[in-house]
N, C-alpha and C. Protein backbone atom coordinates (compact mmCIF):
# COMPACT_ATOMS: atom_id res chain seq x y z
N MET A 1 1.06 -1.58 -0.10
CA MET A 1 0.06 -0.22 -0.12
C MET A 1 1.02 0.99 0.12
N SER A 2 1.91 1.23 0.48
CA SER A 2 2.64 2.51 0.23
C SER A 2 3.30 2.68 0.23
N ASN A 3 3.07 1.37 -1.53
CA ASN A 3 4.04 2.05 -2.81
C ASN A 3 3.26 2.58 -3.51
N PHE A 4 2.29 2.35 -3.50
CA PHE A 4 0.90 3.28 -3.86
C PHE A 4 1.20 5.39 -3.48
N TYR A 5 0.99 5.00 -2.39
CA TYR A 5 1.65 6.32 -1.67
C TYR A 5 2.18 7.25 -2.05
N ASP A 6 3.88 6.34 -2.63
CA ASP A 6 5.59 7.33 -2.83
C ASP A 6 5.02 7.68 -3.86
N GLN A 7 4.08 6.32 -5.02
CA GLN A 7 4.09 7.03 -6.18
C GLN A 7 2.97 8.33 -6.77
N LEU A 8 2.26 8.35 -5.71
CA LEU A 8 1.56 9.57 -5.40
C LEU A 8 1.51 10.86 -5.20
N SER A 9 3.12 10.89 -4.37
CA SER A 9 3.31 12.00 -3.68
C SER A 9 3.93 12.90 -4.45
N PRO A 10 3.90 12.89 -5.32
CA PRO A 10 4.65 13.90 -6.33
C PRO A 10 3.36 14.91 -6.74
N PHE A 11 2.25 14.18 -7.17
CA PHE A 11 1.06 14.46 -7.40
C PHE A 11 -0.25 14.98 -6.63
N TYR A 12 -0.07 14.52 -5.05
CA TYR A 12 -1.04 14.27 -4.63
C TYR A 12 -1.78 15.89 -4.24
N HIS A 13 -1.34 17.25 -4.20
CA HIS A 13 -1.56 18.04 -4.78
C HIS A 13 -2.48 18.36 -5.53
N VAL A 14 -2.46 18.22 -6.46
CA VAL A 14 -3.63 18.36 -7.66
C VAL A 14 -4.87 17.84 -7.27
N ILE A 15 -4.86 17.39 -6.23
CA ILE A 15 -6.55 17.14 -6.17
C ILE A 15 -7.39 18.32 -5.41
N PHE A 16 -7.01 18.95 -5.59
CA PHE A 16 -7.11 20.54 -4.90
C PHE A 16 -6.78 21.33 -6.07
N ASP A 17 -7.84 22.24 -5.88
CA ASP A 17 -7.57 23.59 -6.79
C ASP A 17 -6.79 23.97 -6.71
N ASP A 18 -6.39 24.82 -5.69
CA ASP A 18 -5.66 25.27 -4.76
C ASP A 18 -5.06 25.02 -3.37
N TRP A 19 -4.00 24.20 -3.41
CA TRP A 19 -3.38 23.11 -2.34
C TRP A 19 -3.36 24.17 -1.32
N ASN A 20 -2.57 25.29 -2.29
CA ASN A 20 -2.03 26.72 -0.50
C ASN A 20 -3.85 26.73 0.16
N LYS A 21 -4.62 26.68 -0.72
CA LYS A 21 -5.93 27.67 0.11
C LYS A 21 -6.16 26.35 0.83
N SER A 22 -6.57 24.66 0.56
CA SER A 22 -6.69 24.05 1.72
C SER A 22 -5.72 24.17 2.23
N ILE A 23 -5.28 24.10 2.20
CA ILE A 23 -3.95 24.68 3.71
C ILE A 23 -4.92 25.40 4.68
N GLU A 24 -4.91 26.64 4.44
CA GLU A 24 -5.62 27.32 5.37
C GLU A 24 -7.12 27.39 5.40
N ARG A 25 -7.67 26.93 4.63
CA ARG A 25 -8.84 26.67 5.38
C ARG A 25 -8.95 25.02 5.96
N GLN A 26 -8.77 24.16 5.64
CA GLN A 26 -8.90 22.98 6.44
C GLN A 26 -7.95 23.12 7.81
N GLY A 27 -6.57 24.02 7.97
CA GLY A 27 -6.41 24.85 9.23
C GLY A 27 -7.59 25.07 9.98
N SER A 28 -8.21 25.99 9.56
CA SER A 28 -9.34 27.04 10.24
C SER A 28 -10.14 26.67 10.91
N GLN A 29 -10.86 25.73 9.60
CA GLN A 29 -12.30 24.55 10.33
C GLN A 29 -11.64 23.68 10.94
N LEU A 30 -10.39 22.76 10.96
CA LEU A 30 -10.77 22.21 12.36
C LEU A 30 -9.24 23.01 13.32
N ASN A 31 -9.20 24.30 13.52
CA ASN A 31 -8.67 25.35 14.74
C ASN A 31 -10.71 25.76 15.29
N ASN A 32 -11.32 25.85 14.31
CA ASN A 32 -13.02 25.94 15.51
C ASN A 32 -12.72 24.68 16.06
N ILE A 33 -12.88 23.90 15.36
CA ILE A 33 -13.58 22.51 15.68
C ILE A 33 -12.78 22.29 16.95
N ILE A 34 -11.27 22.11 17.48
CA ILE A 34 -10.39 22.22 18.44
C ILE A 34 -11.02 23.46 19.07
N GLN A 35 -11.32 24.11 19.19
CA GLN A 35 -11.21 25.14 19.63
C GLN A 35 -12.32 25.37 20.53
N SER A 36 -13.96 24.68 19.85
CA SER A 36 -15.46 24.66 19.85
C SER A 36 -14.83 23.49 21.44
N ASN A 37 -14.40 22.21 21.37
CA ASN A 37 -14.58 21.11 22.27
C ASN A 37 -13.63 20.75 23.08
N TRP A 38 -12.11 21.51 22.93
CA TRP A 38 -11.11 20.94 23.59
C TRP A 38 -9.98 22.85 23.55
N SER A 39 -10.14 23.85 24.26
CA SER A 39 -9.86 25.39 23.45
C SER A 39 -8.69 24.92 24.05
N GLN A 40 -8.24 24.18 25.67
CA GLN A 40 -7.25 24.46 25.92
C GLN A 40 -6.07 23.16 25.39
N HIS A 41 -6.38 22.23 24.55
CA HIS A 41 -5.32 22.02 24.01
C HIS A 41 -4.39 22.24 23.15
N ARG A 42 -2.72 22.07 23.00
CA ARG A 42 -2.28 23.17 21.62
C ARG A 42 -1.72 21.70 20.64
N LYS A 43 -1.63 20.65 21.60
CA LYS A 43 -0.85 19.47 20.42
C LYS A 43 -1.93 18.45 19.61
N VAL A 44 -1.63 18.03 18.59
CA VAL A 44 -2.15 17.48 17.41
C VAL A 44 -1.64 16.59 17.10
N LEU A 45 -2.29 15.24 17.01
CA LEU A 45 -1.68 14.41 16.50
C LEU A 45 -2.51 13.70 14.94
N ASP A 46 -1.90 13.85 13.63
CA ASP A 46 -2.06 13.53 12.56
C ASP A 46 -1.47 12.52 11.78
N VAL A 47 -2.58 11.46 11.76
CA VAL A 47 -2.41 10.19 11.35
C VAL A 47 -2.71 10.22 10.00
N SER A 48 -2.14 9.39 9.34
CA SER A 48 -1.83 9.43 7.79
C SER A 48 -2.20 10.90 7.53
N CYS A 49 -0.73 11.73 7.71
CA CYS A 49 -0.55 13.05 7.11
C CYS A 49 -0.34 13.25 5.49
N GLY A 50 -0.19 11.89 4.85
CA GLY A 50 0.20 12.76 3.72
C GLY A 50 0.85 13.74 3.29
N ILE A 51 0.40 14.62 2.32
CA ILE A 51 2.02 15.74 2.31
C ILE A 51 1.51 16.64 3.12
N GLY A 52 0.91 16.72 4.22
CA GLY A 52 1.19 17.95 5.36
C GLY A 52 0.24 18.95 5.14
N THR A 53 -0.99 18.94 4.69
CA THR A 53 -1.99 19.43 4.39
C THR A 53 -3.08 20.10 5.40
N GLN A 54 -2.99 19.24 6.43
CA GLN A 54 -3.42 19.50 7.47
C GLN A 54 -2.60 19.81 8.79
N ALA A 55 -1.66 18.90 8.84
CA ALA A 55 -0.09 19.10 9.53
C ALA A 55 -0.10 20.94 9.00
N ILE A 56 0.65 21.27 8.26
CA ILE A 56 0.63 22.50 7.82
C ILE A 56 -0.34 23.44 8.26
N GLY A 57 -1.64 23.98 8.59
CA GLY A 57 -2.74 24.51 9.01
C GLY A 57 -2.75 24.70 9.95
N LEU A 58 -2.73 23.53 10.46
CA LEU A 58 -2.80 23.11 11.47
C LEU A 58 -1.88 24.56 12.72
N SER A 59 -0.13 23.79 12.00
CA SER A 59 0.79 24.12 12.52
C SER A 59 0.51 26.43 12.27
N LYS A 60 -0.16 26.27 11.14
CA LYS A 60 -0.14 27.73 11.15
C LYS A 60 -0.77 28.62 11.77
N ASN A 61 -1.61 27.25 12.31
CA ASN A 61 -2.49 28.11 13.80
C ASN A 61 -2.11 27.89 14.81
N GLY A 62 -1.02 27.83 15.46
CA GLY A 62 -0.26 27.75 16.69
C GLY A 62 -0.19 26.29 17.19
N TYR A 63 -0.58 24.99 16.53
CA TYR A 63 -0.65 23.93 17.03
C TYR A 63 0.83 23.35 17.03
N ASP A 64 1.53 22.27 18.07
CA ASP A 64 2.83 22.00 17.82
C ASP A 64 2.18 20.38 17.52
N VAL A 65 2.25 20.02 16.19
CA VAL A 65 1.58 19.12 15.51
C VAL A 65 2.72 17.58 15.51
N THR A 66 2.15 16.30 15.29
CA THR A 66 3.07 15.37 15.27
C THR A 66 2.16 14.72 14.29
N ALA A 67 3.15 14.32 13.25
CA ALA A 67 2.24 13.98 12.17
C ALA A 67 2.65 12.73 11.54
N SER A 68 2.58 11.82 10.86
CA SER A 68 3.02 10.33 10.00
C SER A 68 2.66 10.31 9.40
N ASP A 69 2.82 9.23 8.31
CA ASP A 69 1.92 8.30 7.54
C ASP A 69 3.27 7.00 6.95
N LEU A 70 2.78 6.40 6.56
CA LEU A 70 2.89 4.79 5.78
C LEU A 70 4.56 5.49 4.60
N SER A 71 3.93 6.45 4.02
CA SER A 71 4.80 6.88 3.05
C SER A 71 5.93 6.87 2.80
N VAL A 72 7.25 6.90 2.98
CA VAL A 72 8.82 7.44 3.01
C VAL A 72 8.53 8.60 1.90
N ASN A 73 7.58 8.57 0.90
CA ASN A 73 8.08 9.75 0.07
C ASN A 73 6.72 10.71 0.47
N GLU A 74 5.75 10.24 1.21
CA GLU A 74 5.04 11.59 1.23
C GLU A 74 5.26 12.38 2.98
N ILE A 75 5.83 11.79 3.40
CA ILE A 75 6.70 12.24 4.78
C ILE A 75 8.00 13.00 4.22
N GLU A 76 8.53 12.66 2.87
CA GLU A 76 9.73 13.74 2.87
C GLU A 76 9.15 14.94 2.25
N ARG A 77 7.77 14.84 1.41
CA ARG A 77 7.57 15.79 0.56
C ARG A 77 6.82 16.95 1.63
N ALA A 78 6.46 16.46 2.53
CA ALA A 78 5.23 16.74 3.79
C ALA A 78 6.42 17.61 4.80
N LYS A 79 7.69 17.47 4.86
CA LYS A 79 8.42 18.52 5.38
C LYS A 79 8.96 19.46 4.72
N HIS A 80 9.44 19.22 2.86
CA HIS A 80 9.70 19.79 2.80
C HIS A 80 8.78 20.79 2.33
N GLU A 81 7.33 20.62 2.41
CA GLU A 81 6.31 21.32 2.29
C GLU A 81 6.25 22.60 3.41
N ALA A 82 6.43 21.64 5.09
CA ALA A 82 6.04 22.38 5.68
C ALA A 82 7.37 23.42 6.43
N GLN A 83 8.68 23.36 5.30
CA GLN A 83 9.80 24.24 5.19
C GLN A 83 9.13 25.22 4.44
N GLN A 84 8.76 24.87 3.72
CA GLN A 84 8.17 25.81 2.21
C GLN A 84 7.33 26.79 3.25
N HIS A 85 6.75 26.74 3.92
CA HIS A 85 5.71 26.87 4.72
C HIS A 85 6.53 28.13 5.79
N GLY A 86 7.42 27.85 6.25
CA GLY A 86 7.79 28.31 7.41
C GLY A 86 7.35 28.11 8.81
N GLN A 87 7.01 26.12 8.34
CA GLN A 87 6.39 25.82 9.62
C GLN A 87 7.62 24.64 10.02
N THR A 88 8.03 25.10 12.03
CA THR A 88 8.55 24.35 12.33
C THR A 88 8.15 23.13 13.57
N ASN A 89 7.19 23.26 14.03
CA ASN A 89 7.06 22.89 15.19
C ASN A 89 5.51 21.73 14.16
N ILE A 90 6.28 20.99 13.00
CA ILE A 90 6.03 20.14 12.93
C ILE A 90 6.62 18.93 13.21
N SER A 91 6.05 17.49 14.00
CA SER A 91 7.73 16.46 13.80
C SER A 91 7.04 14.75 12.66
N PHE A 92 7.89 14.61 12.25
CA PHE A 92 7.10 14.09 10.85
C PHE A 92 7.96 12.53 10.78
N SER A 93 7.30 11.19 11.07
CA SER A 93 7.61 10.08 10.53
C SER A 93 6.99 9.11 10.28
N VAL A 94 7.76 8.17 9.75
CA VAL A 94 6.84 7.11 8.85
C VAL A 94 6.48 6.02 10.00
N CYS A 95 5.15 5.71 9.84
CA CYS A 95 5.26 4.63 10.84
C CYS A 95 3.33 4.08 9.73
N ASP A 96 2.99 2.79 10.58
CA ASP A 96 1.58 2.30 9.64
C ASP A 96 1.10 2.14 10.82
């Protein structure tokens, strides 16, 4: 299964009309949910993070994020994307 996602990683962003806007939108929506229910929490676990769409969005909203995926290539791309977005409070790992 990880082979499929490894091959998908260079193209993952094209499932979104505008991937950067999706980062912002999903981060904002998740922040609203978290703040409505668990406002005291600032640490988030993102399992099956893919290329980091939600992890980056949450990080931009001030969360410390631990993100994992089974695909080595997706994690490498997520690390790169997080760096490009100036997000340093995300810890990435490969696991299933």
